[in-house]
Amino acid sequence: QVQLVESGGGLVQAGGSLRLSCAASGIILSINRAGWYRQAPGKQRELVAVIETGGYTNYADSVKGRFTISRDNIKNTVNLQMNTLKPEDTGVYYCNARRSGLVRTDYWGQGTQVTVSS
């Protein structure tokens, strides 16, 4: 099992910055990919950014150039630096860890609220 705990959400004005952090514990050696998803009110959960074991990253088009995902393998954390925030970035941000193999398993954090005011 893998446990994920997010932190760093909050209220910020448009144009501001926030840094989200996700701390992982448990059996994490076999995790192939970690990332962040978000869900706005009335919308489906969507991928924001992911980082794979080899360092490959992928971002949603809407956040490219503004968000940066990184991982610290010593602290077992995955971080999301969010700059130039927009009101449409508002939502609950969830940390995700994925174990790929014969059976794909996804682990989720409890979510952290990000609110960007205009």
C-alpha atoms as a PDB file:
ATOM      1  CA  GLN A   1       0.000   0.000   0.000  1.00  0.00           C
ATOM      2  CA  VAL A   2       0.993   3.596  -0.612  1.00  0.00           C
ATOM      3  CA  GLN A   3      -0.194   6.570   1.401  1.00  0.00           C
ATOM      4  CA  LEU A   4      -0.190  10.065  -0.065  1.00  0.00           C
ATOM      5  CA  VAL A   5      -0.628  13.298   1.852  1.00  0.00           C
ATOM      6  CA  GLU A   6      -0.908  16.636   0.068  1.00  0.00           C
ATOM      7  CA  SER A   7      -0.148  20.069   1.443  1.00  0.00           C
ATOM      8  CA  GLY A   8       0.275  23.603   0.204  1.00  0.00           C
ATOM      9  CA  GLY A   9      -3.131  24.538  -1.141  1.00  0.00           C
ATOM     10  CA  GLY A  10      -4.839  27.803  -0.327  1.00  0.00           C
ATOM     11  CA  LEU A  11      -6.277  31.058  -1.609  1.00  0.00           C
ATOM     12  CA  VAL A  12      -4.233  33.254  -3.909  1.00  0.00           C
ATOM     13  CA  GLN A  13      -4.902  36.156  -6.248  1.00  0.00           C
ATOM     14  CA  ALA A  14      -4.599  35.765  -9.990  1.00  0.00           C
ATOM     15  CA  GLY A  15      -0.981  36.052 -11.060  1.00  0.00           C
ATOM     16  CA  GLY A  16       0.266  34.623  -7.786  1.00  0.00           C
ATOM     17  CA  SER A  17       2.062  31.388  -6.988  1.00  0.00           C
ATOM     18  CA  LEU A  18       1.548  28.310  -4.867  1.00  0.00           C
ATOM     19  CA  ARG A  19       3.621  25.212  -4.253  1.00  0.00           C
ATOM     20  CA  LEU A  20       1.934  21.888  -3.632  1.00  0.00           C
ATOM     21  CA  SER A  21       3.742  18.998  -2.017  1.00  0.00           C
ATOM     22  CA  CYS A  22       2.801  15.336  -1.810  1.00  0.00           C
ATOM     23  CA  ALA A  23       4.488  13.103   0.738  1.00  0.00           C
ATOM     24  CA  ALA A  24       4.484   9.382  -0.014  1.00  0.00           C
ATOM     25  CA  SER A  25       4.915   6.536   2.430  1.00  0.00           C
ATOM     26  CA  GLY A  26       4.525   2.786   2.350  1.00  0.00           C
ATOM     27  CA  ILE A  27       5.711   0.463  -0.424  1.00  0.00           C
ATOM     28  CA  ILE A  28       6.854   3.084  -2.910  1.00  0.00           C
ATOM     29  CA  LEU A  29       9.798   1.375  -4.632  1.00  0.00           C
ATOM     30  CA  SER A  30       7.598   0.043  -7.409  1.00  0.00           C
ATOM     31  CA  ILE A  31       5.861   3.325  -8.191  1.00  0.00           C
ATOM     32  CA  ASN A  32       6.491   4.145 -11.849  1.00  0.00           C
ATOM     33  CA  ARG A  33       4.738   7.459 -12.137  1.00  0.00           C
ATOM     34  CA  ALA A  34       3.548  10.230  -9.842  1.00  0.00           C
ATOM     35  CA  GLY A  35       1.629  13.352 -10.572  1.00  0.00           C
ATOM     36  CA  TRP A  36      -1.146  15.800  -9.926  1.00  0.00           C
ATOM     37  CA  TYR A  37      -4.727  15.903 -11.079  1.00  0.00           C
ATOM     38  CA  ARG A  38      -7.386  18.500 -10.372  1.00  0.00           C
ATOM     39  CA  GLN A  39     -11.139  18.665 -10.283  1.00  0.00           C
ATOM     40  CA  ALA A  40     -13.122  21.870 -10.637  1.00  0.00           C
ATOM     41  CA  PRO A  41     -16.741  22.094  -9.463  1.00  0.00           C
ATOM     42  CA  GLY A  42     -19.017  20.356 -11.923  1.00  0.00           C
ATOM     43  CA  LYS A  43     -16.145  19.032 -14.007  1.00  0.00           C
ATOM     44  CA  GLN A  44     -14.308  15.768 -14.344  1.00  0.00           C
ATOM     45  CA  ARG A  45     -10.950  15.170 -12.763  1.00  0.00           C
ATOM     46  CA  GLU A  46      -8.169  16.046 -15.204  1.00  0.00           C
ATOM     47  CA  LEU A  47      -4.454  15.464 -15.425  1.00  0.00           C
ATOM     48  CA  VAL A  48      -2.313  18.479 -14.568  1.00  0.00           C
ATOM     49  CA  ALA A  49       1.238  17.111 -14.600  1.00  0.00           C
ATOM     50  CA  VAL A  50       3.025  13.786 -14.202  1.00  0.00           C
ATOM     51  CA  ILE A  51       6.619  12.683 -13.773  1.00  0.00           C
ATOM     52  CA  GLU A  52       7.916   9.186 -14.474  1.00  0.00           C
ATOM     53  CA  THR A  53      10.754   7.229 -12.943  1.00  0.00           C
ATOM     54  CA  GLY A  54      13.233   8.295 -15.635  1.00  0.00           C
ATOM     55  CA  GLY A  55      12.367  11.945 -15.153  1.00  0.00           C
ATOM     56  CA  TYR A  56      10.065  12.282 -18.140  1.00  0.00           C
ATOM     57  CA  THR A  57       7.355  14.870 -17.522  1.00  0.00           C
ATOM     58  CA  ASN A  58       4.042  15.629 -19.133  1.00  0.00           C
ATOM     59  CA  TYR A  59       1.769  18.619 -18.628  1.00  0.00           C
ATOM     60  CA  ALA A  60      -1.734  19.628 -19.549  1.00  0.00           C
ATOM     61  CA  ASP A  61      -1.639  22.229 -22.308  1.00  0.00           C
ATOM     62  CA  SER A  62      -3.386  24.720 -20.053  1.00  0.00           C
ATOM     63  CA  VAL A  63      -0.522  24.750 -17.532  1.00  0.00           C
ATOM     64  CA  LYS A  64       2.546  24.421 -19.767  1.00  0.00           C
ATOM     65  CA  GLY A  65       5.041  27.161 -19.069  1.00  0.00           C
ATOM     66  CA  ARG A  66       3.407  28.018 -15.745  1.00  0.00           C
ATOM     67  CA  PHE A  67       3.584  24.822 -13.670  1.00  0.00           C
ATOM     68  CA  THR A  68       6.612  22.685 -12.895  1.00  0.00           C
ATOM     69  CA  ILE A  69       6.511  19.196 -11.424  1.00  0.00           C
ATOM     70  CA  SER A  70       9.477  17.724  -9.579  1.00  0.00           C
ATOM     71  CA  ARG A  71      10.257  14.815  -7.304  1.00  0.00           C
ATOM     72  CA  ASP A  72      12.626  14.362  -4.400  1.00  0.00           C
ATOM     73  CA  ASN A  73      13.572  10.695  -4.146  1.00  0.00           C
ATOM     74  CA  ILE A  74      15.259  11.171  -0.776  1.00  0.00           C
ATOM     75  CA  LYS A  75      12.263  12.823   0.864  1.00  0.00           C
ATOM     76  CA  ASN A  76       9.775  10.772  -1.172  1.00  0.00           C
ATOM     77  CA  THR A  77       7.866  13.836  -2.238  1.00  0.00           C
ATOM     78  CA  VAL A  78       6.389  15.086  -5.481  1.00  0.00           C
ATOM     79  CA  ASN A  79       6.007  18.831  -5.793  1.00  0.00           C
ATOM     80  CA  LEU A  80       4.060  21.117  -8.082  1.00  0.00           C
ATOM     81  CA  GLN A  81       5.223  24.701  -8.420  1.00  0.00           C
ATOM     82  CA  MET A  82       2.368  26.779  -9.804  1.00  0.00           C
ATOM     83  CA  ASN A  83       3.116  30.250 -11.117  1.00  0.00           C
ATOM     84  CA  THR A  84       1.016  32.886 -12.845  1.00  0.00           C
ATOM     85  CA  LEU A  85      -2.128  31.305 -11.477  1.00  0.00           C
ATOM     86  CA  LYS A  86      -5.453  31.956 -13.167  1.00  0.00           C
ATOM     87  CA  PRO A  87      -9.008  31.713 -11.812  1.00  0.00           C
ATOM     88  CA  GLU A  88      -9.540  28.677 -14.040  1.00  0.00           C
ATOM     89  CA  ASP A  89      -6.834  26.857 -12.064  1.00  0.00           C
ATOM     90  CA  THR A  90      -9.245  26.721  -9.140  1.00  0.00           C
ATOM     91  CA  GLY A  91     -10.137  23.240  -7.950  1.00  0.00           C
ATOM     92  CA  VAL A  92      -9.221  20.378  -5.682  1.00  0.00           C
ATOM     93  CA  TYR A  93      -5.766  19.084  -6.499  1.00  0.00           C
ATOM     94  CA  TYR A  94      -5.076  15.393  -5.968  1.00  0.00           C
ATOM     95  CA  CYS A  95      -1.751  13.656  -5.776  1.00  0.00           C
ATOM     96  CA  ASN A  96      -1.534  10.377  -7.686  1.00  0.00           C
ATOM     97  CA  ALA A  97       0.950   7.524  -7.624  1.00  0.00           C
ATOM     98  CA  ARG A  98       0.785   4.725 -10.165  1.00  0.00           C
ATOM     99  CA  ARG A  99       2.240   1.248 -10.142  1.00  0.00           C
ATOM    100  CA  SER A 100       2.294  -0.261 -13.620  1.00  0.00           C
ATOM    101  CA  GLY A 101       2.684  -3.919 -14.443  1.00  0.00           C
ATOM    102  CA  LEU A 102       0.387  -6.833 -15.022  1.00  0.00           C
ATOM    103  CA  VAL A 103      -2.152  -4.926 -12.979  1.00  0.00           C
ATOM    104  CA  ARG A 104      -2.137  -1.138 -12.892  1.00  0.00           C
ATOM    105  CA  THR A 105      -2.795   0.343  -9.464  1.00  0.00           C
ATOM    106  CA  ASP A 106      -3.505   3.989  -8.734  1.00  0.00           C
ATOM    107  CA  TYR A 107      -3.188   5.572  -5.302  1.00  0.00           C
ATOM    108  CA  TRP A 108      -4.719   8.925  -4.423  1.00  0.00           C
ATOM    109  CA  GLY A 109      -4.297  11.544  -1.764  1.00  0.00           C
ATOM    110  CA  GLN A 110      -7.199  13.221  -0.032  1.00  0.00           C
ATOM    111  CA  GLY A 111      -6.914  16.389  -2.098  1.00  0.00           C
ATOM    112  CA  THR A 112      -6.047  19.983  -1.334  1.00  0.00           C
ATOM    113  CA  GLN A 113      -8.113  23.022  -2.321  1.00  0.00           C
ATOM    114  CA  VAL A 114      -6.606  25.685  -4.562  1.00  0.00           C
ATOM    115  CA  THR A 115      -8.646  28.847  -5.071  1.00  0.00           C
ATOM    116  CA  VAL A 116      -7.504  31.622  -7.385  1.00  0.00           C
ATOM    117  CA  SER A 117      -9.420  34.874  -7.109  1.00  0.00           C
ATOM    118  CA  SER A 118      -9.694  37.342  -9.961  1.00  0.00           C
END
